[in-house]
């Protein structure tokens, strides 16, 4: 199977909400999403957290790439800041600092890498139905 993918850039202003909607629309093309709404919700939440991190911490537009390889839905967000995010342990009442932990909890795997112009944070989601022939 060949990989299937989409890419879209989201500006700092209003990009997170648009990114969630765009992601949900792209995921509708896979047959497994109807049977796995919890996986869809996890992907959309991870996209929201990754775009938010790019906008707030990197002060950058965010470039989102979704790639399906038949086993894993890869969610990658690139921004212009080479500083890798770190997982924090926020205190009760703090309103930020949970994004990396949320994505790590939701995704099957997560990786971060610096690049010449910024960084890319990627997460892999493996739906239960991914191995079935009709899974997309």
Protein backbone atom coordinates (compact mmCIF):
# COMPACT_ATOMS: atom_id res chain seq x y z
CA UNK A 1 0.00 0.00 0.00
CA UNK A 2 1.21 3.48 -0.81
CA UNK A 3 1.08 6.11 1.89
CA UNK A 4 -1.72 8.65 1.78
CA UNK A 5 -1.28 12.11 3.20
CA UNK A 6 -2.28 15.73 3.50
CA UNK A 7 -0.51 18.91 4.52
CA UNK A 8 -1.79 22.29 5.59
CA UNK A 9 -0.35 25.41 7.24
CA UNK A 10 -2.16 27.13 10.09
CA UNK A 11 -1.43 30.73 11.09
CA UNK A 12 -0.86 31.79 14.67
CA UNK A 13 -4.19 33.62 14.58
CA UNK A 14 -7.07 31.11 14.67
CA UNK A 15 -5.01 28.15 13.52
CA UNK A 16 -5.82 25.72 16.33
CA UNK A 17 -9.58 25.66 15.78
CA UNK A 18 -9.11 25.46 12.00
CA UNK A 19 -6.55 22.67 12.47
CA UNK A 20 -8.97 20.55 14.50
CA UNK A 21 -11.73 20.95 11.90
CA UNK A 22 -9.36 20.24 9.00
CA UNK A 23 -7.97 17.12 10.71
CA UNK A 24 -11.43 15.73 11.45
CA UNK A 25 -12.41 16.22 7.79
CA UNK A 26 -9.31 14.39 6.53
CA UNK A 27 -9.91 11.48 8.90
CA UNK A 28 -13.43 10.97 7.52
CA UNK A 29 -11.86 9.38 4.42
CA UNK A 30 -10.79 6.27 6.38
CA UNK A 31 -13.26 3.43 6.98
CA UNK A 32 -11.80 2.68 10.43
CA UNK A 33 -12.77 6.09 11.82
CA UNK A 34 -16.48 5.21 11.96
CA UNK A 35 -15.70 2.33 14.34
CA UNK A 36 -13.04 4.16 16.32
CA UNK A 37 -14.35 7.58 17.34
CA UNK A 38 -12.05 7.50 20.38
CA UNK A 39 -9.01 7.28 18.08
CA UNK A 40 -10.32 10.17 16.00
CA UNK A 41 -10.85 12.22 19.15
CA UNK A 42 -7.32 11.37 20.37
CA UNK A 43 -5.80 12.46 17.05
CA UNK A 44 -7.79 15.70 17.02
CA UNK A 45 -6.78 16.48 20.62
CA UNK A 46 -3.13 15.76 19.83
CA UNK A 47 -3.32 18.07 16.80
CA UNK A 48 -4.82 20.75 19.00
CA UNK A 49 -2.02 20.43 21.57
CA UNK A 50 0.76 20.38 18.96
CA UNK A 51 -0.59 23.39 17.08
CA UNK A 52 -1.07 25.27 20.35
CA UNK A 53 2.54 24.57 21.34
CA UNK A 54 3.80 25.81 17.96
CA UNK A 55 1.78 29.00 18.21
CA UNK A 56 2.37 29.82 21.88
CA UNK A 57 5.92 28.65 22.49
CA UNK A 58 7.48 29.00 19.04
CA UNK A 59 5.46 32.13 18.10
CA UNK A 60 5.26 30.54 14.68
CA UNK A 61 2.78 29.44 12.08
CA UNK A 62 2.42 25.66 12.22
CA UNK A 63 2.68 23.23 9.33
CA UNK A 64 0.62 20.08 9.91
CA UNK A 65 1.15 16.88 7.95
CA UNK A 66 -1.07 13.80 8.31
CA UNK A 67 0.24 10.61 6.72
CA UNK A 68 -1.45 7.21 6.73
CA UNK A 69 0.81 4.25 5.87
CA UNK A 70 -1.72 1.46 6.44
CA UNK A 71 -0.55 0.84 10.00
CA UNK A 72 -0.01 4.21 11.60
CA UNK A 73 -1.51 7.66 11.21
CA UNK A 74 1.49 9.98 11.53
CA UNK A 75 0.70 13.46 12.82
CA UNK A 76 3.59 15.89 12.37
CA UNK A 77 3.71 19.58 13.24
CA UNK A 78 6.62 21.77 12.16
CA UNK A 79 7.35 25.24 13.52
CA UNK A 80 10.21 27.71 13.19
CA UNK A 81 11.72 27.38 16.70
CA UNK A 82 14.48 24.74 17.05
CA UNK A 83 13.91 24.43 20.82
CA UNK A 84 12.44 21.01 21.57
CA UNK A 85 9.42 20.95 23.89
CA UNK A 86 9.86 19.31 27.25
CA UNK A 87 7.34 17.51 29.37
CA UNK A 88 6.51 19.42 32.51
CA UNK A 89 4.71 18.56 35.72
CA UNK A 90 2.44 21.57 36.22
CA UNK A 91 1.01 22.28 39.63
CA UNK A 92 -2.70 22.25 40.29
CA UNK A 93 -4.28 25.41 38.94
CA UNK A 94 -1.65 26.07 36.29
CA UNK A 95 -3.27 26.58 32.91
CA UNK A 96 -0.41 25.35 30.73
CA UNK A 97 2.35 22.77 30.67
CA UNK A 98 0.36 19.63 29.88
CA UNK A 99 0.54 19.44 26.07
CA UNK A 100 3.54 17.14 25.67
CA UNK A 101 2.25 14.81 28.39
CA UNK A 102 -1.19 14.67 26.78
CA UNK A 103 0.23 13.80 23.37
CA UNK A 104 2.55 11.15 24.86
CA UNK A 105 -0.41 9.61 26.68
CA UNK A 106 -2.67 9.56 23.61
CA UNK A 107 -0.22 8.46 20.91
CA UNK A 108 1.40 5.08 20.42
CA UNK A 109 4.74 6.81 19.86
CA UNK A 110 6.00 10.37 19.83
CA UNK A 111 9.25 11.86 18.60
CA UNK A 112 10.79 15.30 18.31
CA UNK A 113 13.61 16.40 16.07
CA UNK A 114 15.43 19.63 15.39
CA UNK A 115 15.87 20.63 11.79
CA UNK A 116 17.78 23.32 9.98
CA UNK A 117 14.86 25.74 10.31
CA UNK A 118 12.90 24.79 13.41
CA UNK A 119 11.64 21.48 14.68
CA UNK A 120 9.07 18.79 13.94
CA UNK A 121 7.08 16.99 16.59
CA UNK A 122 5.44 13.77 15.41
CA UNK A 123 3.03 11.30 16.94
CA UNK A 124 1.88 7.92 15.63
CA UNK A 125 -1.62 6.55 16.17
CA UNK A 126 -2.30 2.87 15.39
CA UNK A 127 -6.02 2.21 15.07
CA UNK A 128 -7.17 -1.28 16.09
CA UNK A 129 -8.68 -1.85 12.64
CA UNK A 130 -5.53 -0.76 10.77
CA UNK A 131 -4.49 -4.34 9.99
CA UNK A 132 -7.78 -5.27 8.33
CA UNK A 133 -7.97 -5.19 4.52
CA UNK A 134 -10.90 -2.74 4.48
CA UNK A 135 -9.20 -0.27 6.87
CA UNK A 136 -8.22 2.17 4.14
